[in-house]
Amino acid sequence: MQLASVYKGEADKILQVKKAEAEAEAKYLGGVGVARQRQAITDGLRENILNFSHKVEGTSAKEVMDLIMITQYFDTIKDLGNSSKNTTVFIPHGPGHVRDIGDQIRNGLMEAASAKVTE
């Protein structure tokens, strides 16, 4: 009985280790999936910006990004309003606030890029 309990303890230990390894692998693969999704979004945005800039003369990449950000902002507002699970969401709303949100996102991206360069 004593030997059987030792074997059972070892088997439980192995099961816990395998479970932890499986969870770690699942999280890793989930992260890879998110990274690929973000890369696809970035590639699509880059392509859209270039196409728009070439087809509409006089537009800059910044103007196109501002337009995309505003579109995304309004899509988010619409989705929040259409969801039956939401109760109340207070979002600053107006042209100035949309610009502020865009500036915050842009500054965050620039700071992240700057941190990568200095590493």
PDB file of N, CA and C in Angstrom:
ATOM      1  N   MET A   1       0.815  -1.192   0.000  1.00  0.00           N
ATOM      2  CA  MET A   1       0.000   0.000   0.000  1.00  0.00           C
ATOM      3  C   MET A   1       0.867   1.268   0.000  1.00  0.00           C
ATOM      4  N   GLN A   2       1.952   1.173   0.767  1.00  0.00           N
ATOM      5  CA  GLN A   2       2.838   2.321   0.857  1.00  0.00           C
ATOM      6  C   GLN A   2       3.481   2.606  -0.505  1.00  0.00           C
ATOM      7  N   LEU A   3       3.912   1.563  -1.191  1.00  0.00           N
ATOM      8  CA  LEU A   3       4.517   1.707  -2.506  1.00  0.00           C
ATOM      9  C   LEU A   3       3.499   2.212  -3.525  1.00  0.00           C
ATOM     10  N   ALA A   4       2.280   1.743  -3.396  1.00  0.00           N
ATOM     11  CA  ALA A   4       1.210   2.185  -4.302  1.00  0.00           C
ATOM     12  C   ALA A   4       0.931   3.674  -4.110  1.00  0.00           C
ATOM     13  N   SER A   5       0.945   4.155  -2.898  1.00  0.00           N
ATOM     14  CA  SER A   5       0.695   5.576  -2.653  1.00  0.00           C
ATOM     15  C   SER A   5       1.842   6.427  -3.195  1.00  0.00           C
ATOM     16  N   VAL A   6       3.071   5.913  -3.147  1.00  0.00           N
ATOM     17  CA  VAL A   6       4.215   6.626  -3.719  1.00  0.00           C
ATOM     18  C   VAL A   6       4.023   6.745  -5.226  1.00  0.00           C
ATOM     19  N   TYR A   7       3.638   5.621  -5.869  1.00  0.00           N
ATOM     20  CA  TYR A   7       3.410   5.635  -7.315  1.00  0.00           C
ATOM     21  C   TYR A   7       2.266   6.563  -7.695  1.00  0.00           C
ATOM     22  N   LYS A   8       1.230   6.562  -6.885  1.00  0.00           N
ATOM     23  CA  LYS A   8       0.082   7.448  -7.153  1.00  0.00           C
ATOM     24  C   LYS A   8       0.502   8.907  -7.031  1.00  0.00           C
ATOM     25  N   GLY A   9       1.310   9.221  -6.031  1.00  0.00           N
ATOM     26  CA  GLY A   9       1.813  10.586  -5.868  1.00  0.00           C
ATOM     27  C   GLY A   9       2.657  11.016  -7.056  1.00  0.00           C
ATOM     28  N   GLU A  10       3.516  10.113  -7.527  1.00  0.00           N
ATOM     29  CA  GLU A  10       4.344  10.421  -8.702  1.00  0.00           C
ATOM     30  C   GLU A  10       3.471  10.609  -9.945  1.00  0.00           C
ATOM     31  N   ALA A  11       2.463   9.783 -10.099  1.00  0.00           N
ATOM     32  CA  ALA A  11       1.564   9.901 -11.249  1.00  0.00           C
ATOM     33  C   ALA A  11       0.805  11.234 -11.203  1.00  0.00           C
ATOM     34  N   ASP A  12       0.345  11.622 -10.014  1.00  0.00           N
ATOM     35  CA  ASP A  12      -0.345  12.912  -9.871  1.00  0.00           C
ATOM     36  C   ASP A  12       0.590  14.073 -10.203  1.00  0.00           C
ATOM     37  N   LYS A  13       1.825  13.942  -9.775  1.00  0.00           N
ATOM     38  CA  LYS A  13       2.823  14.977 -10.059  1.00  0.00           C
ATOM     39  C   LYS A  13       3.048  15.104 -11.565  1.00  0.00           C
ATOM     40  N   ILE A  14       3.187  13.987 -12.245  1.00  0.00           N
ATOM     41  CA  ILE A  14       3.389  13.990 -13.697  1.00  0.00           C
ATOM     42  C   ILE A  14       2.186  14.610 -14.395  1.00  0.00           C
ATOM     43  N   LEU A  15       0.982  14.262 -13.943  1.00  0.00           N
ATOM     44  CA  LEU A  15      -0.235  14.831 -14.535  1.00  0.00           C
ATOM     45  C   LEU A  15      -0.278  16.350 -14.367  1.00  0.00           C
ATOM     46  N   GLN A  16       0.097  16.834 -13.185  1.00  0.00           N
ATOM     47  CA  GLN A  16       0.106  18.278 -12.954  1.00  0.00           C
ATOM     48  C   GLN A  16       1.133  18.973 -13.838  1.00  0.00           C
ATOM     49  N   VAL A  17       2.290  18.376 -13.987  1.00  0.00           N
ATOM     50  CA  VAL A  17       3.330  18.953 -14.835  1.00  0.00           C
ATOM     51  C   VAL A  17       2.865  18.991 -16.282  1.00  0.00           C
ATOM     52  N   LYS A  18       2.283  17.901 -16.763  1.00  0.00           N
ATOM     53  CA  LYS A  18       1.796  17.841 -18.146  1.00  0.00           C
ATOM     54  C   LYS A  18       0.677  18.853 -18.372  1.00  0.00           C
ATOM     55  N   LYS A  19      -0.197  18.997 -17.382  1.00  0.00           N
ATOM     56  CA  LYS A  19      -1.285  19.977 -17.488  1.00  0.00           C
ATOM     57  C   LYS A  19      -0.712  21.397 -17.571  1.00  0.00           C
ATOM     58  N   ALA A  20       0.279  21.691 -16.743  1.00  0.00           N
ATOM     59  CA  ALA A  20       0.905  23.015 -16.760  1.00  0.00           C
ATOM     60  C   ALA A  20       1.611  23.261 -18.094  1.00  0.00           C
ATOM     61  N   GLU A  21       2.283  22.238 -18.609  1.00  0.00           N
ATOM     62  CA  GLU A  21       2.942  22.380 -19.909  1.00  0.00           C
ATOM     63  C   GLU A  21       1.935  22.624 -21.018  1.00  0.00           C
ATOM     64  N   ALA A  22       0.819  21.924 -20.964  1.00  0.00           N
ATOM     65  CA  ALA A  22      -0.229  22.107 -21.977  1.00  0.00           C
ATOM     66  C   ALA A  22      -0.823  23.511 -21.894  1.00  0.00           C
ATOM     67  N   GLU A  23      -1.044  24.014 -20.693  1.00  0.00           N
ATOM     68  CA  GLU A  23      -1.566  25.374 -20.528  1.00  0.00           C
ATOM     69  C   GLU A  23      -0.566  26.402 -21.052  1.00  0.00           C
ATOM     70  N   ALA A  24       0.704  26.201 -20.763  1.00  0.00           N
ATOM     71  CA  ALA A  24       1.734  27.124 -21.243  1.00  0.00           C
ATOM     72  C   ALA A  24       1.792  27.120 -22.765  1.00  0.00           C
ATOM     73  N   GLU A  25       1.706  25.947 -23.373  1.00  0.00           N
ATOM     74  CA  GLU A  25       1.729  25.841 -24.834  1.00  0.00           C
ATOM     75  C   GLU A  25       0.497  26.509 -25.447  1.00  0.00           C
ATOM     76  N   ALA A  26      -0.663  26.319 -24.811  1.00  0.00           N
ATOM     77  CA  ALA A  26      -1.888  26.947 -25.309  1.00  0.00           C
ATOM     78  C   ALA A  26      -1.786  28.472 -25.244  1.00  0.00           C
ATOM     79  N   LYS A  27      -1.233  28.987 -24.168  1.00  0.00           N
ATOM     80  CA  LYS A  27      -1.066  30.437 -24.046  1.00  0.00           C
ATOM     81  C   LYS A  27      -0.067  30.962 -25.074  1.00  0.00           C
ATOM     82  N   TYR A  28       0.997  30.210 -25.281  1.00  0.00           N
ATOM     83  CA  TYR A  28       1.987  30.606 -26.285  1.00  0.00           C
ATOM     84  C   TYR A  28       1.347  30.656 -27.670  1.00  0.00           C
ATOM     85  N   LEU A  29       0.622  29.601 -28.020  1.00  0.00           N
ATOM     86  CA  LEU A  29      -0.025  29.557 -29.335  1.00  0.00           C
ATOM     87  C   LEU A  29      -1.084  30.648 -29.472  1.00  0.00           C
ATOM     88  N   GLY A  30      -1.784  30.942 -28.383  1.00  0.00           N
ATOM     89  CA  GLY A  30      -2.735  32.048 -28.407  1.00  0.00           C
ATOM     90  C   GLY A  30      -2.035  33.371 -28.679  1.00  0.00           C
ATOM     91  N   GLY A  31      -0.874  33.554 -28.061  1.00  0.00           N
ATOM     92  CA  GLY A  31      -0.096  34.772 -28.299  1.00  0.00           C
ATOM     93  C   GLY A  31       0.391  34.863 -29.733  1.00  0.00           C
ATOM     94  N   VAL A  32       0.804  33.729 -30.289  1.00  0.00           N
ATOM     95  CA  VAL A  32       1.228  33.705 -31.691  1.00  0.00           C
ATOM     96  C   VAL A  32       0.063  34.080 -32.592  1.00  0.00           C
ATOM     97  N   GLY A  33      -1.118  33.560 -32.267  1.00  0.00           N
ATOM     98  CA  GLY A  33      -2.306  33.892 -33.064  1.00  0.00           C
ATOM     99  C   GLY A  33      -2.639  35.373 -33.005  1.00  0.00           C
ATOM    100  N   VAL A  34      -2.564  35.963 -31.817  1.00  0.00           N
ATOM    101  CA  VAL A  34      -2.833  37.391 -31.667  1.00  0.00           C
ATOM    102  C   VAL A  34      -1.796  38.203 -32.433  1.00  0.00           C
ATOM    103  N   ALA A  35      -0.532  37.793 -32.356  1.00  0.00           N
ATOM    104  CA  ALA A  35       0.527  38.513 -33.073  1.00  0.00           C
ATOM    105  C   ALA A  35       0.292  38.459 -34.582  1.00  0.00           C
ATOM    106  N   ARG A  36      -0.108  37.311 -35.087  1.00  0.00           N
ATOM    107  CA  ARG A  36      -0.383  37.189 -36.522  1.00  0.00           C
ATOM    108  C   ARG A  36      -1.593  38.026 -36.917  1.00  0.00           C
ATOM    109  N   GLN A  37      -2.596  38.048 -36.059  1.00  0.00           N
ATOM    110  CA  GLN A  37      -3.781  38.860 -36.336  1.00  0.00           C
ATOM    111  C   GLN A  37      -3.398  40.341 -36.405  1.00  0.00           C
ATOM    112  N   ARG A  38      -2.611  40.793 -35.464  1.00  0.00           N
ATOM    113  CA  ARG A  38      -2.182  42.195 -35.452  1.00  0.00           C
ATOM    114  C   ARG A  38      -1.318  42.522 -36.660  1.00  0.00           C
ATOM    115  N   GLN A  39      -0.476  41.581 -37.057  1.00  0.00           N
ATOM    116  CA  GLN A  39       0.355  41.800 -38.239  1.00  0.00           C
ATOM    117  C   GLN A  39      -0.509  41.917 -39.484  1.00  0.00           C
ATOM    118  N   ALA A  40      -1.543  41.079 -39.587  1.00  0.00           N
ATOM    119  CA  ALA A  40      -2.450  41.147 -40.736  1.00  0.00           C
ATOM    120  C   ALA A  40      -3.198  42.481 -40.755  1.00  0.00           C
ATOM    121  N   ILE A  41      -3.599  42.954 -39.589  1.00  0.00           N
ATOM    122  CA  ILE A  41      -4.285  44.255 -39.507  1.00  0.00           C
ATOM    123  C   ILE A  41      -3.338  45.362 -39.939  1.00  0.00           C
ATOM    124  N   THR A  42      -2.100  45.313 -39.450  1.00  0.00           N
ATOM    125  CA  THR A  42      -1.108  46.329 -39.813  1.00  0.00           C
ATOM    126  C   THR A  42      -0.834  46.321 -41.310  1.00  0.00           C
ATOM    127  N   ASP A  43      -0.681  45.116 -41.870  1.00  0.00           N
ATOM    128  CA  ASP A  43      -0.440  45.014 -43.309  1.00  0.00           C
ATOM    129  C   ASP A  43      -1.615  45.570 -44.105  1.00  0.00           C
ATOM    130  N   GLY A  44      -2.823  45.251 -43.666  1.00  0.00           N
ATOM    131  CA  GLY A  44      -4.007  45.770 -44.344  1.00  0.00           C
ATOM    132  C   GLY A  44      -4.110  47.279 -44.255  1.00  0.00           C
ATOM    133  N   LEU A  45      -3.819  47.831 -43.079  1.00  0.00           N
ATOM    134  CA  LEU A  45      -3.843  49.287 -42.918  1.00  0.00           C
ATOM    135  C   LEU A  45      -2.806  49.951 -43.809  1.00  0.00           C
ATOM    136  N   ARG A  46      -1.603  49.386 -43.834  1.00  0.00           N
ATOM    137  CA  ARG A  46      -0.535  49.943 -44.660  1.00  0.00           C
ATOM    138  C   ARG A  46      -0.971  49.962 -46.131  1.00  0.00           C
ATOM    139  N   GLU A  47      -1.534  48.857 -46.583  1.00  0.00           N
ATOM    140  CA  GLU A  47      -1.982  48.772 -47.976  1.00  0.00           C
ATOM    141  C   GLU A  47      -3.103  49.775 -48.258  1.00  0.00           C
ATOM    142  N   ASN A  48      -4.051  49.900 -47.329  1.00  0.00           N
ATOM    143  CA  ASN A  48      -5.136  50.856 -47.517  1.00  0.00           C
ATOM    144  C   ASN A  48      -4.636  52.297 -47.545  1.00  0.00           C
ATOM    145  N   ILE A  49      -3.695  52.606 -46.680  1.00  0.00           N
ATOM    146  CA  ILE A  49      -3.149  53.968 -46.641  1.00  0.00           C
ATOM    147  C   ILE A  49      -2.455  54.286 -47.954  1.00  0.00           C
ATOM    148  N   LEU A  50      -1.631  53.355 -48.426  1.00  0.00           N
ATOM    149  CA  LEU A  50      -0.926  53.594 -49.688  1.00  0.00           C
ATOM    150  C   LEU A  50      -1.900  53.723 -50.855  1.00  0.00           C
ATOM    151  N   ASN A  51      -2.887  52.848 -50.919  1.00  0.00           N
ATOM    152  CA  ASN A  51      -3.877  52.915 -52.002  1.00  0.00           C
ATOM    153  C   ASN A  51      -4.649  54.232 -51.962  1.00  0.00           C
ATOM    154  N   PHE A  52      -5.103  54.616 -50.775  1.00  0.00           N
ATOM    155  CA  PHE A  52      -5.878  55.843 -50.638  1.00  0.00           C
ATOM    156  C   PHE A  52      -5.031  57.054 -51.001  1.00  0.00           C
ATOM    157  N   SER A  53      -3.791  57.077 -50.515  1.00  0.00           N
ATOM    158  CA  SER A  53      -2.906  58.213 -50.789  1.00  0.00           C
ATOM    159  C   SER A  53      -2.617  58.352 -52.279  1.00  0.00           C
ATOM    160  N   HIS A  54      -2.494  57.237 -52.984  1.00  0.00           N
ATOM    161  CA  HIS A  54      -2.209  57.284 -54.426  1.00  0.00           C
ATOM    162  C   HIS A  54      -3.447  57.647 -55.238  1.00  0.00           C
ATOM    163  N   LYS A  55      -4.607  57.198 -54.792  1.00  0.00           N
ATOM    164  CA  LYS A  55      -5.831  57.421 -55.567  1.00  0.00           C
ATOM    165  C   LYS A  55      -6.453  58.785 -55.314  1.00  0.00           C
ATOM    166  N   VAL A  56      -6.238  59.332 -54.131  1.00  0.00           N
ATOM    167  CA  VAL A  56      -6.776  60.663 -53.813  1.00  0.00           C
ATOM    168  C   VAL A  56      -5.587  61.596 -53.657  1.00  0.00           C
ATOM    169  N   GLU A  57      -5.346  62.379 -54.690  1.00  0.00           N
ATOM    170  CA  GLU A  57      -4.188  63.262 -54.676  1.00  0.00           C
ATOM    171  C   GLU A  57      -4.314  64.316 -53.591  1.00  0.00           C
ATOM    172  N   GLY A  58      -3.180  64.659 -53.011  1.00  0.00           N
ATOM    173  CA  GLY A  58      -3.146  65.711 -52.003  1.00  0.00           C
ATOM    174  C   GLY A  58      -3.381  65.209 -50.589  1.00  0.00           C
ATOM    175  N   THR A  59      -3.561  63.894 -50.409  1.00  0.00           N
ATOM    176  CA  THR A  59      -3.744  63.375 -49.060  1.00  0.00           C
ATOM    177  C   THR A  59      -2.432  62.795 -48.552  1.00  0.00           C
ATOM    178  N   SER A  60      -2.220  62.979 -47.281  1.00  0.00           N
ATOM    179  CA  SER A  60      -1.013  62.436 -46.660  1.00  0.00           C
ATOM    180  C   SER A  60      -1.376  61.167 -45.894  1.00  0.00           C
ATOM    181  N   ALA A  61      -0.362  60.421 -45.522  1.00  0.00           N
ATOM    182  CA  ALA A  61      -0.589  59.207 -44.740  1.00  0.00           C
ATOM    183  C   ALA A  61      -1.232  59.548 -43.399  1.00  0.00           C
ATOM    184  N   LYS A  62      -0.857  60.682 -42.821  1.00  0.00           N
ATOM    185  CA  LYS A  62      -1.442  61.100 -41.544  1.00  0.00           C
ATOM    186  C   LYS A  62      -2.930  61.364 -41.697  1.00  0.00           C
ATOM    187  N   GLU A  63      -3.321  62.033 -42.766  1.00  0.00           N
ATOM    188  CA  GLU A  63      -4.743  62.307 -42.982  1.00  0.00           C
ATOM    189  C   GLU A  63      -5.532  61.010 -43.162  1.00  0.00           C
ATOM    190  N   VAL A  64      -4.950  60.066 -43.864  1.00  0.00           N
ATOM    191  CA  VAL A  64      -5.624  58.778 -44.054  1.00  0.00           C
ATOM    192  C   VAL A  64      -5.750  58.056 -42.708  1.00  0.00           C
ATOM    193  N   MET A  65      -4.684  58.070 -41.911  1.00  0.00           N
ATOM    194  CA  MET A  65      -4.745  57.434 -40.589  1.00  0.00           C
ATOM    195  C   MET A  65      -5.776  58.107 -39.704  1.00  0.00           C
ATOM    196  N   ASP A  66      -5.871  59.428 -39.763  1.00  0.00           N
ATOM    197  CA  ASP A  66      -6.888  60.135 -38.992  1.00  0.00           C
ATOM    198  C   ASP A  66      -8.281  59.699 -39.414  1.00  0.00           C
ATOM    199  N   LEU A  67      -8.496  59.565 -40.712  1.00  0.00           N
ATOM    200  CA  LEU A  67      -9.787  59.111 -41.219  1.00  0.00           C
ATOM    201  C   LEU A  67     -10.095  57.695 -40.743  1.00  0.00           C
ATOM    202  N   ILE A  68      -9.100  56.823 -40.782  1.00  0.00           N
ATOM    203  CA  ILE A  68      -9.294  55.445 -40.323  1.00  0.00           C
ATOM    204  C   ILE A  68      -9.593  55.418 -38.828  1.00  0.00           C
ATOM    205  N   MET A  69      -8.877  56.241 -38.061  1.00  0.00           N
ATOM    206  CA  MET A  69      -9.110  56.292 -36.615  1.00  0.00           C
ATOM    207  C   MET A  69     -10.517  56.773 -36.304  1.00  0.00           C
ATOM    208  N   ILE A  70     -10.973  57.781 -37.009  1.00  0.00           N
ATOM    209  CA  ILE A  70     -12.328  58.283 -36.781  1.00  0.00           C
ATOM    210  C   ILE A  70     -13.350  57.217 -37.149  1.00  0.00           C
ATOM    211  N   THR A  71     -13.125  56.525 -38.257  1.00  0.00           N
ATOM    212  CA  THR A  71     -14.027  55.453 -38.660  1.00  0.00           C
ATOM    213  C   THR A  71     -14.068  54.355 -37.608  1.00  0.00           C
ATOM    214  N   GLN A  72     -12.901  53.960 -37.106  1.00  0.00           N
ATOM    215  CA  GLN A  72     -12.841  52.941 -36.061  1.00  0.00           C
ATOM    216  C   GLN A  72     -13.546  53.416 -34.796  1.00  0.00           C
ATOM    217  N   TYR A  73     -13.377  54.676 -34.467  1.00  0.00           N
ATOM    218  CA  TYR A  73     -14.018  55.236 -33.283  1.00  0.00           C
ATOM    219  C   TYR A  73     -15.534  55.149 -33.407  1.00  0.00           C
ATOM    220  N   PHE A  74     -16.060  55.558 -34.550  1.00  0.00           N
ATOM    221  CA  PHE A  74     -17.510  55.507 -34.730  1.00  0.00           C
ATOM    222  C   PHE A  74     -18.019  54.067 -34.797  1.00  0.00           C
ATOM    223  N   ASP A  75     -17.251  53.169 -35.369  1.00  0.00           N
ATOM    224  CA  ASP A  75     -17.635  51.755 -35.371  1.00  0.00           C
ATOM    225  C   ASP A  75     -17.715  51.219 -33.947  1.00  0.00           C
ATOM    226  N   THR A  76     -16.762  51.623 -33.112  1.00  0.00           N
ATOM    227  CA  THR A  76     -16.766  51.196 -31.709  1.00  0.00           C
ATOM    228  C   THR A  76     -17.980  51.739 -30.983  1.00  0.00           C
ATOM    229  N   ILE A  77     -18.292  53.013 -31.192  1.00  0.00           N
ATOM    230  CA  ILE A  77     -19.473  53.617 -30.566  1.00  0.00           C
ATOM    231  C   ILE A  77     -20.734  52.860 -30.997  1.00  0.00           C
ATOM    232  N   LYS A  78     -20.826  52.555 -32.285  1.00  0.00           N
ATOM    233  CA  LYS A  78     -21.987  51.835 -32.807  1.00  0.00           C
ATOM    234  C   LYS A  78     -22.095  50.450 -32.173  1.00  0.00           C
ATOM    235  N   ASP A  79     -20.978  49.740 -32.090  1.00  0.00           N
ATOM    236  CA  ASP A  79     -20.989  48.402 -31.504  1.00  0.00           C
ATOM    237  C   ASP A  79     -21.368  48.443 -30.028  1.00  0.00           C
ATOM    238  N   LEU A  80     -20.889  49.439 -29.315  1.00  0.00           N
ATOM    239  CA  LEU A  80     -21.272  49.576 -27.915  1.00  0.00           C
ATOM    240  C   LEU A  80     -22.772  49.809 -27.775  1.00  0.00           C
ATOM    241  N   GLY A  81     -23.310  50.622 -28.662  1.00  0.00           N
ATOM    242  CA  GLY A  81     -24.744  50.905 -28.613  1.00  0.00           C
ATOM    243  C   GLY A  81     -25.605  49.725 -29.015  1.00  0.00           C
ATOM    244  N   ASN A  82     -25.097  48.879 -29.905  1.00  0.00           N
ATOM    245  CA  ASN A  82     -25.872  47.733 -30.380  1.00  0.00           C
ATOM    246  C   ASN A  82     -25.830  46.539 -29.444  1.00  0.00           C
ATOM    247  N   SER A  83     -24.892  46.501 -28.518  1.00  0.00           N
ATOM    248  CA  SER A  83     -24.751  45.360 -27.626  1.00  0.00           C
ATOM    249  C   SER A  83     -25.789  45.434 -26.518  1.00  0.00           C
ATOM    250  N   SER A  84     -26.510  44.349 -26.326  1.00  0.00           N
ATOM    251  CA  SER A  84     -27.535  44.320 -25.287  1.00  0.00           C
ATOM    252  C   SER A  84     -26.931  44.070 -23.912  1.00  0.00           C
ATOM    253  N   LYS A  85     -25.666  43.698 -23.844  1.00  0.00           N
ATOM    254  CA  LYS A  85     -25.034  43.390 -22.566  1.00  0.00           C
ATOM    255  C   LYS A  85     -24.474  44.624 -21.872  1.00  0.00           C
ATOM    256  N   ASN A  86     -24.379  45.731 -22.574  1.00  0.00           N
ATOM    257  CA  ASN A  86     -23.836  46.952 -21.979  1.00  0.00           C
ATOM    258  C   ASN A  86     -24.903  47.643 -21.149  1.00  0.00           C
ATOM    259  N   THR A  87     -24.465  48.279 -20.096  1.00  0.00           N
ATOM    260  CA  THR A  87     -25.389  49.079 -19.305  1.00  0.00           C
ATOM    261  C   THR A  87     -25.168  50.549 -19.653  1.00  0.00           C
ATOM    262  N   THR A  88     -24.118  51.135 -19.136  1.00  0.00           N
ATOM    263  CA  THR A  88     -23.821  52.532 -19.441  1.00  0.00           C
ATOM    264  C   THR A  88     -22.331  52.681 -19.672  1.00  0.00           C
ATOM    265  N   VAL A  89     -21.990  53.400 -20.725  1.00  0.00           N
ATOM    266  CA  VAL A  89     -20.596  53.692 -21.024  1.00  0.00           C
ATOM    267  C   VAL A  89     -20.495  55.183 -21.278  1.00  0.00           C
ATOM    268  N   PHE A  90     -19.620  55.851 -20.544  1.00  0.00           N
ATOM    269  CA  PHE A  90     -19.413  57.279 -20.744  1.00  0.00           C
ATOM    270  C   PHE A  90     -18.127  57.462 -21.533  1.00  0.00           C
ATOM    271  N   ILE A  91     -18.266  58.000 -22.723  1.00  0.00           N
ATOM    272  CA  ILE A  91     -17.118  58.228 -23.591  1.00  0.00           C
ATOM    273  C   ILE A  91     -17.136  59.693 -24.008  1.00  0.00           C
ATOM    274  N   PRO A  92     -16.025  60.413 -23.799  1.00  0.00           N
ATOM    275  CA  PRO A  92     -15.989  61.785 -24.294  1.00  0.00           C
ATOM    276  C   PRO A  92     -16.242  61.766 -25.803  1.00  0.00           C
ATOM    277  N   HIS A  93     -17.138  62.604 -26.244  1.00  0.00           N
ATOM    278  CA  HIS A  93     -17.524  62.531 -27.645  1.00  0.00           C
ATOM    279  C   HIS A  93     -17.555  63.930 -28.258  1.00  0.00           C
ATOM    280  N   GLY A  94     -16.922  64.061 -29.367  1.00  0.00           N
ATOM    281  CA  GLY A  94     -16.876  65.324 -30.088  1.00  0.00           C
ATOM    282  C   GLY A  94     -15.616  65.352 -30.922  1.00  0.00           C
ATOM    283  N   PRO A  95     -15.550  66.244 -31.884  1.00  0.00           N
ATOM    284  CA  PRO A  95     -14.380  66.276 -32.766  1.00  0.00           C
ATOM    285  C   PRO A  95     -13.063  66.431 -32.016  1.00  0.00           C
ATOM    286  N   GLY A  96     -13.043  67.260 -31.012  1.00  0.00           N
ATOM    287  CA  GLY A  96     -11.818  67.465 -30.245  1.00  0.00           C
ATOM    288  C   GLY A  96     -11.406  66.226 -29.482  1.00  0.00           C
ATOM    289  N   HIS A  97     -12.391  65.509 -28.933  1.00  0.00           N
ATOM    290  CA  HIS A  97     -12.087  64.296 -28.183  1.00  0.00           C
ATOM    291  C   HIS A  97     -11.580  63.185 -29.094  1.00  0.00           C
ATOM    292  N   VAL A  98     -12.160  63.073 -30.286  1.00  0.00           N
ATOM    293  CA  VAL A  98     -11.681  62.064 -31.232  1.00  0.00           C
ATOM    294  C   VAL A  98     -10.229  62.343 -31.593  1.00  0.00           C
ATOM    295  N   ARG A  99      -9.908  63.608 -31.809  1.00  0.00           N
ATOM    296  CA  ARG A  99      -8.527  63.984 -32.119  1.00  0.00           C
ATOM    297  C   ARG A  99      -7.618  63.647 -30.942  1.00  0.00           C
ATOM    298  N   ASP A 100      -8.079  63.930 -29.708  1.00  0.00           N
ATOM    299  CA  ASP A 100      -7.278  63.618 -28.524  1.00  0.00           C
ATOM    300  C   ASP A 100      -7.011  62.129 -28.412  1.00  0.00           C
ATOM    301  N   ILE A 101      -8.037  61.309 -28.671  1.00  0.00           N
ATOM    302  CA  ILE A 101      -7.858  59.860 -28.614  1.00  0.00           C
ATOM    303  C   ILE A 101      -6.845  59.425 -29.667  1.00  0.00           C
ATOM    304  N   GLY A 102      -6.970  59.967 -30.873  1.00  0.00           N
ATOM    305  CA  GLY A 102      -6.011  59.646 -31.932  1.00  0.00           C
ATOM    306  C   GLY A 102      -4.602  60.048 -31.549  1.00  0.00           C
ATOM    307  N   ASP A 103      -4.463  61.235 -30.957  1.00  0.00           N
ATOM    308  CA  ASP A 103      -3.139  61.691 -30.526  1.00  0.00           C
ATOM    309  C   ASP A 103      -2.563  60.775 -29.448  1.00  0.00           C
ATOM    310  N   GLN A 104      -3.415  60.340 -28.508  1.00  0.00           N
ATOM    311  CA  GLN A 104      -2.948  59.448 -27.447  1.00  0.00           C
ATOM    312  C   GLN A 104      -2.465  58.120 -28.020  1.00  0.00           C
ATOM    313  N   ILE A 105      -3.220  57.575 -28.957  1.00  0.00           N
ATOM    314  CA  ILE A 105      -2.820  56.304 -29.578  1.00  0.00           C
ATOM    315  C   ILE A 105      -1.519  56.491 -30.343  1.00  0.00           C
ATOM    316  N   ARG A 106      -1.462  57.552 -31.134  1.00  0.00           N
ATOM    317  CA  ARG A 106      -0.264  57.812 -31.942  1.00  0.00           C
ATOM    318  C   ARG A 106       0.958  58.013 -31.044  1.00  0.00           C
ATOM    319  N   ASN A 107       0.806  58.795 -29.966  1.00  0.00           N
ATOM    320  CA  ASN A 107       1.926  59.023 -29.052  1.00  0.00           C
ATOM    321  C   ASN A 107       2.369  57.725 -28.390  1.00  0.00           C
ATOM    322  N   GLY A 108       1.413  56.887 -28.024  1.00  0.00           N
ATOM    323  CA  GLY A 108       1.758  55.596 -27.429  1.00  0.00           C
ATOM    324  C   GLY A 108       2.548  54.733 -28.386  1.00  0.00           C
ATOM    325  N   LEU A 109       2.129  54.724 -29.649  1.00  0.00           N
ATOM    326  CA  LEU A 109       2.853  53.936 -30.653  1.00  0.00           C
ATOM    327  C   LEU A 109       4.257  54.480 -30.873  1.00  0.00           C
ATOM    328  N   MET A 110       4.376  55.809 -30.896  1.00  0.00           N
ATOM    329  CA  MET A 110       5.683  56.412 -31.103  1.00  0.00           C
ATOM    330  C   MET A 110       6.600  56.133 -29.912  1.00  0.00           C
ATOM    331  N   GLU A 111       6.063  56.182 -28.693  1.00  0.00           N
ATOM    332  CA  GLU A 111       6.872  55.886 -27.511  1.00  0.00           C
ATOM    333  C   GLU A 111       7.318  54.428 -27.506  1.00  0.00           C
ATOM    334  N   ALA A 112       6.424  53.537 -27.927  1.00  0.00           N
ATOM    335  CA  ALA A 112       6.782  52.115 -27.993  1.00  0.00           C
ATOM    336  C   ALA A 112       7.883  51.894 -29.029  1.00  0.00           C
ATOM    337  N   ALA A 113       7.758  52.548 -30.163  1.00  0.00           N
ATOM    338  CA  ALA A 113       8.779  52.417 -31.202  1.00  0.00           C
ATOM    339  C   ALA A 113      10.108  52.991 -30.724  1.00  0.00           C
ATOM    340  N   SER A 114      10.057  54.097 -30.009  1.00  0.00           N
ATOM    341  CA  SER A 114      11.268  54.716 -29.474  1.00  0.00           C
ATOM    342  C   SER A 114      11.936  53.800 -28.449  1.00  0.00           C
ATOM    343  N   ALA A 115      11.125  53.143 -27.634  1.00  0.00           N
ATOM    344  CA  ALA A 115      11.691  52.235 -26.619  1.00  0.00           C
ATOM    345  C   ALA A 115      12.377  51.049 -27.283  1.00  0.00           C
ATOM    346  N   LYS A 116      11.828  50.571 -28.404  1.00  0.00           N
ATOM    347  CA  LYS A 116      12.453  49.455 -29.123  1.00  0.00           C
ATOM    348  C   LYS A 116      13.795  49.859 -29.701  1.00  0.00           C
ATOM    349  N   VAL A 117      13.873  51.093 -30.182  1.00  0.00           N
ATOM    350  CA  VAL A 117      15.121  51.585 -30.802  1.00  0.00           C
ATOM    351  C   VAL A 117      16.226  51.693 -29.755  1.00  0.00           C
ATOM    352  N   THR A 118      15.888  52.123 -28.550  1.00  0.00           N
ATOM    353  CA  THR A 118      16.899  52.340 -27.512  1.00  0.00           C
ATOM    354  C   THR A 118      17.340  51.046 -26.841  1.00  0.00           C
ATOM    355  N   GLU A 119      16.618  49.950 -27.069  1.00  0.00           N
ATOM    356  CA  GLU A 119      16.987  48.673 -26.417  1.00  0.00           C
ATOM    357  C   GLU A 119      18.202  48.062 -27.020  1.00  0.00           C
TER     358      GLU A 119
END
